[in-house]
Amino acid sequence: MRDIVYPPVIGLVKTGFKVLDLGITMVGTEHIPTTGGAVLAVNHISYVDFVIGGYGAQPSKRLVRFMAKEVLFRNRYSGPLMRSLHHIPVDRGAGAASYRQAVRYLRDGELVGVFPEATISRSFELKDFKSGAVRMAAEAGVPVIPMILWGTQRMMTKDHPRDFSRHQKVSITVGEPMHVAPEDDALEATAELRATMAGMLDRTISSYAEKPAGAWWLPASYGGSAPTPAEADRLDAEELRERAAKRRK
């Protein structure tokens, strides 16, 4: 797969990180293989998770092909960029084509990035996982590599103004590869993946340099003022109803 645009984009991103003096702590990046296909399962707390998650694969000199909402590919600005980076459009109403494309990429030795929660978590804790990540890994015969991002929600997330001020801190934690066989139960494997990533998230938050009581970007279970998972689910439901009403109009 030819990558003409991806390398200069990475260069621009790294320059941006330097300008922002972004403090990035990376742990476990040696678990990302330098060759061969793998599913990179990433938690989702921010609109910049694509950028930071892709950066986490740089120590292994890998490029990540993220599965993303197809609306991004239809946009006049983001569409050409997403296609040039060989990301995978996902139509939630007809996901079979994107699933097949992801499996094909994996079999061709690509690193495919997946957000198993499918949408940003307003609670900043893990939402329920979709089973697609483990199913495509099993079908392609490749491992699932869990990745946890933390701190990205402070930059750009739902319900809060964006903040790209300097000296912010971001953590990237990569776990050991998880192997799923075609005969394994996909729901059980998904539950195992979620439990693994929940433990990784807890360790990442616990080791994060800042945990101010009442902070909006800190989960309620850690003393922050972010919505609880139940409150977040209610807000998600309201958002979906509002979108449906706009479509009807």
Protein backbone atom coordinates (compact mmCIF):
# COMPACT_ATOMS: atom_id res chain seq x y z
CA MET A 1 0.00 0.00 0.00
CA ARG A 2 1.56 3.29 -1.12
CA ASP A 3 1.64 6.07 1.47
CA ILE A 4 2.42 9.43 -0.07
CA VAL A 5 0.44 11.60 2.35
CA TYR A 6 0.83 9.72 5.66
CA PRO A 7 4.56 10.46 6.30
CA PRO A 8 4.26 14.26 5.89
CA VAL A 9 1.09 14.25 8.00
CA ILE A 10 3.02 12.50 10.78
CA GLY A 11 5.74 15.11 10.45
CA LEU A 12 3.18 17.91 10.83
CA VAL A 13 1.64 16.18 13.86
CA LYS A 14 5.03 15.82 15.57
CA THR A 15 5.75 19.48 14.89
CA GLY A 16 2.39 20.38 16.42
CA PHE A 17 3.23 18.34 19.52
CA LYS A 18 6.50 20.26 19.89
CA VAL A 19 4.75 23.61 19.51
CA LEU A 20 2.23 22.61 22.18
CA ASP A 21 5.02 21.14 24.32
CA LEU A 22 2.73 18.16 24.75
CA GLY A 23 4.01 15.84 27.44
CA ILE A 24 3.40 12.30 26.13
CA THR A 25 4.16 9.31 28.33
CA MET A 26 4.20 5.96 26.51
CA VAL A 27 4.29 2.56 28.20
CA GLY A 28 4.30 -0.87 26.55
CA THR A 29 4.73 0.25 22.95
CA GLU A 30 7.06 -2.70 22.41
CA HIS A 31 3.90 -4.86 22.25
CA ILE A 32 3.03 -3.38 18.86
CA PRO A 33 4.64 -5.65 16.26
CA THR A 34 7.00 -4.13 13.73
CA THR A 35 5.54 -6.30 10.95
CA GLY A 36 2.33 -8.19 10.27
CA GLY A 37 -1.33 -7.51 10.80
CA ALA A 38 -2.92 -6.70 14.15
CA VAL A 39 -6.05 -5.05 15.51
CA LEU A 40 -5.29 -2.05 17.72
CA ALA A 41 -8.21 -1.74 20.17
CA VAL A 42 -8.31 1.80 21.61
CA ASN A 43 -10.55 3.41 24.21
CA HIS A 44 -12.41 6.50 23.00
CA ILE A 45 -12.55 9.69 25.08
CA SER A 46 -11.68 12.44 22.60
CA TYR A 47 -11.93 13.62 19.02
CA VAL A 48 -8.12 13.55 18.79
CA ASP A 49 -7.79 9.86 19.73
CA PHE A 50 -7.05 9.00 16.09
CA VAL A 51 -4.00 11.25 16.17
CA ILE A 52 -2.68 10.19 19.58
CA GLY A 53 -3.48 6.51 19.01
CA GLY A 54 -1.61 6.56 15.72
CA TYR A 55 1.33 8.27 17.41
CA GLY A 56 1.49 5.38 19.88
CA ALA A 57 2.44 3.06 17.00
CA GLN A 58 5.36 5.24 15.91
CA PRO A 59 8.00 3.54 18.13
CA SER A 60 7.31 0.40 16.07
CA LYS A 61 7.38 2.47 12.88
CA ARG A 62 3.83 1.42 12.01
CA LEU A 63 1.01 3.28 10.30
CA VAL A 64 -2.50 2.70 11.64
CA ARG A 65 -5.56 2.40 9.39
CA PHE A 66 -8.41 3.54 11.61
CA MET A 67 -12.04 2.54 11.18
CA ALA A 68 -14.02 5.80 11.30
CA LYS A 69 -17.52 7.14 10.64
CA GLU A 70 -18.17 7.33 6.92
CA VAL A 71 -19.48 10.90 7.30
CA LEU A 72 -15.83 11.95 7.71
CA PHE A 73 -15.13 10.51 4.26
CA ARG A 74 -17.99 12.50 2.70
CA ASN A 75 -16.80 15.81 4.13
CA ARG A 76 -15.17 18.06 1.50
CA TYR A 77 -12.21 18.76 3.79
CA SER A 78 -11.62 15.60 5.83
CA GLY A 79 -12.74 13.17 3.12
CA PRO A 80 -9.72 13.45 0.79
CA LEU A 81 -7.36 13.24 3.79
CA MET A 82 -9.06 10.17 5.28
CA ARG A 83 -8.96 8.39 1.94
CA SER A 84 -5.33 9.31 1.29
CA LEU A 85 -4.35 7.81 4.66
CA HIS A 86 -6.20 4.59 3.72
CA HIS A 87 -8.51 4.70 6.73
CA ILE A 88 -11.68 2.59 6.61
CA PRO A 89 -15.15 4.19 6.38
CA VAL A 90 -17.79 2.65 8.63
CA ASP A 91 -21.48 2.96 7.77
CA ARG A 92 -23.29 1.88 10.95
CA GLY A 93 -26.36 0.97 8.91
CA ALA A 94 -24.38 -1.33 6.62
CA GLY A 95 -21.14 -2.33 8.30
CA ALA A 96 -20.42 -5.55 6.39
CA ALA A 97 -18.37 -3.81 3.70
CA SER A 98 -16.13 -2.01 6.20
CA TYR A 99 -15.68 -5.25 8.16
CA ARG A 100 -14.55 -7.08 5.01
CA GLN A 101 -12.18 -4.25 4.12
CA ALA A 102 -10.65 -4.35 7.62
CA VAL A 103 -10.13 -8.12 7.43
CA ARG A 104 -8.50 -7.70 4.02
CA TYR A 105 -6.16 -5.04 5.41
CA LEU A 106 -5.25 -7.30 8.35
CA ARG A 107 -4.48 -10.23 6.08
CA ASP A 108 -2.28 -7.90 4.02
CA GLY A 109 -0.24 -7.14 7.15
CA GLU A 110 -1.75 -3.79 8.10
CA LEU A 111 -2.38 -2.41 11.59
CA VAL A 112 -6.10 -1.61 11.88
CA GLY A 113 -7.26 0.76 14.63
CA VAL A 114 -10.67 0.10 16.19
CA PHE A 115 -12.65 1.88 18.90
CA PRO A 116 -14.67 -1.01 20.42
CA GLU A 117 -16.94 1.45 22.25
CA ALA A 118 -17.93 2.87 18.83
CA THR A 119 -18.39 6.37 20.25
CA ILE A 120 -16.80 8.78 22.72
CA SER A 121 -17.36 7.96 26.39
CA ARG A 122 -18.72 10.97 28.24
CA SER A 123 -17.87 9.35 31.59
CA PHE A 124 -14.27 8.74 30.40
CA GLU A 125 -14.67 5.18 31.68
CA LEU A 126 -15.16 2.26 29.31
CA LYS A 127 -18.56 1.86 27.67
CA ASP A 128 -19.86 -1.51 26.50
CA PHE A 129 -17.74 -3.01 23.73
CA LYS A 130 -18.84 -4.14 20.27
CA SER A 131 -17.51 -7.55 19.25
CA GLY A 132 -16.17 -6.51 15.85
CA ALA A 133 -12.56 -6.08 16.98
CA VAL A 134 -12.16 -9.66 18.21
CA ARG A 135 -14.22 -11.14 15.36
CA MET A 136 -12.10 -9.56 12.65
CA ALA A 137 -8.88 -10.50 14.47
CA ALA A 138 -10.02 -14.12 14.70
CA GLU A 139 -11.07 -14.22 11.04
CA ALA A 140 -7.79 -12.68 9.84
CA GLY A 141 -5.65 -14.74 12.21
CA VAL A 142 -4.00 -11.75 13.88
CA PRO A 143 -3.70 -10.57 17.52
CA VAL A 144 -5.68 -7.84 19.25
CA ILE A 145 -3.47 -5.26 20.94
CA PRO A 146 -5.19 -3.16 23.65
CA MET A 147 -4.31 0.52 23.92
CA ILE A 148 -5.44 3.04 26.53
CA LEU A 149 -5.30 6.79 26.00
CA TRP A 150 -5.63 9.30 28.82
CA GLY A 151 -5.51 13.09 28.86
CA THR A 152 -6.78 13.49 25.30
CA GLN A 153 -10.24 14.38 26.66
CA ARG A 154 -8.77 17.58 28.08
CA MET A 155 -7.98 18.75 24.54
CA MET A 156 -11.18 18.06 22.63
CA THR A 157 -14.21 16.00 23.63
CA LYS A 158 -17.99 16.12 23.80
CA ASP A 159 -19.81 18.83 25.79
CA HIS A 160 -16.65 20.85 26.53
CA PRO A 161 -14.76 23.61 24.69
CA ARG A 162 -11.58 22.56 22.96
CA ASP A 163 -8.34 23.38 24.73
CA PHE A 164 -5.05 23.15 22.87
CA SER A 165 -3.09 25.15 25.41
CA ARG A 166 0.56 24.27 25.92
CA HIS A 167 2.14 21.84 28.43
CA GLN A 168 -0.76 19.38 28.61
CA LYS A 169 -0.05 15.75 29.47
CA VAL A 170 -1.16 12.64 27.63
CA SER A 171 -0.59 8.99 28.52
CA ILE A 172 -0.50 6.05 26.10
CA THR A 173 -0.51 2.54 27.55
CA VAL A 174 -0.22 -0.53 25.32
CA GLY A 175 -0.98 -4.01 26.63
CA GLU A 176 0.19 -7.46 25.62
CA PRO A 177 -1.29 -8.98 22.44
CA MET A 178 -4.44 -11.01 22.91
CA HIS A 179 -4.92 -14.00 20.60
CA VAL A 180 -8.41 -15.04 19.53
CA ALA A 181 -9.10 -18.25 17.62
CA PRO A 182 -12.00 -18.61 15.16
CA GLU A 183 -13.62 -21.19 17.43
CA ASP A 184 -13.53 -18.89 20.48
CA ASP A 185 -16.76 -17.29 21.65
CA ALA A 186 -16.67 -13.68 20.39
CA LEU A 187 -18.72 -12.32 23.29
CA GLU A 188 -16.49 -13.97 25.88
CA ALA A 189 -13.36 -12.74 24.11
CA THR A 190 -14.83 -9.23 23.94
CA ALA A 191 -15.59 -9.33 27.67
CA GLU A 192 -11.99 -10.42 28.31
CA LEU A 193 -10.66 -7.58 26.16
CA ARG A 194 -12.82 -5.05 28.00
CA ALA A 195 -11.72 -6.35 31.41
CA THR A 196 -8.08 -6.12 30.35
CA MET A 197 -8.51 -2.56 29.12
CA ALA A 198 -10.43 -1.57 32.27
CA GLY A 199 -7.45 -2.65 34.36
CA MET A 200 -5.09 -0.76 32.05
CA LEU A 201 -7.26 2.36 32.30
CA ASP A 202 -7.23 2.21 36.09
CA ARG A 203 -3.44 1.92 36.18
CA THR A 204 -3.05 4.72 33.65
CA ILE A 205 -5.31 7.11 35.57
CA SER A 206 -3.63 6.19 38.87
CA SER A 207 -0.18 7.00 37.49
CA TYR A 208 -1.29 10.22 35.72
CA ALA A 209 0.44 13.27 37.15
CA GLU A 210 -2.76 15.24 37.80
CA LYS A 211 -5.97 14.13 39.51
CA PRO A 212 -7.55 17.31 40.95
CA ALA A 213 -10.73 16.67 42.92
CA GLY A 214 -13.81 17.80 41.03
CA ALA A 215 -12.07 18.13 37.66
CA TRP A 216 -14.55 17.82 34.79
CA TRP A 217 -12.21 15.50 32.88
CA LEU A 218 -11.78 13.05 35.76
CA PRO A 219 -14.29 10.17 36.17
CA ALA A 220 -16.71 10.44 39.09
CA SER A 221 -15.32 7.20 40.50
CA TYR A 222 -11.91 8.90 40.82
CA GLY A 223 -13.24 12.03 42.53
CA GLY A 224 -13.94 14.05 39.39
CA SER A 225 -17.15 15.66 38.20
CA ALA A 226 -17.52 13.81 34.89
CA PRO A 227 -20.90 12.10 34.40
CA THR A 228 -21.24 8.65 35.88
CA PRO A 229 -21.58 5.84 33.29
CA ALA A 230 -25.34 5.82 33.89
CA GLU A 231 -25.58 9.60 33.44
CA ALA A 232 -23.44 9.37 30.34
CA ASP A 233 -25.77 6.74 28.87
CA ARG A 234 -28.72 9.10 29.45
CA LEU A 235 -26.89 11.94 27.69
CA ASP A 236 -26.02 9.65 24.79
CA ALA A 237 -29.69 8.64 24.45
CA GLU A 238 -30.77 12.31 24.43
CA GLU A 239 -28.19 13.06 21.74
CA LEU A 240 -29.49 10.23 19.56
CA ARG A 241 -33.09 11.45 19.95
CA GLU A 242 -32.07 14.98 18.96
CA ARG A 243 -30.24 13.69 15.88
CA ALA A 244 -33.25 11.61 14.87
CA ALA A 245 -35.53 14.64 15.26
CA LYS A 246 -33.23 16.73 13.05
CA ARG A 247 -33.22 14.04 10.37
CA ARG A 248 -37.03 13.92 10.38
CA LYS A 249 -37.16 17.70 9.86
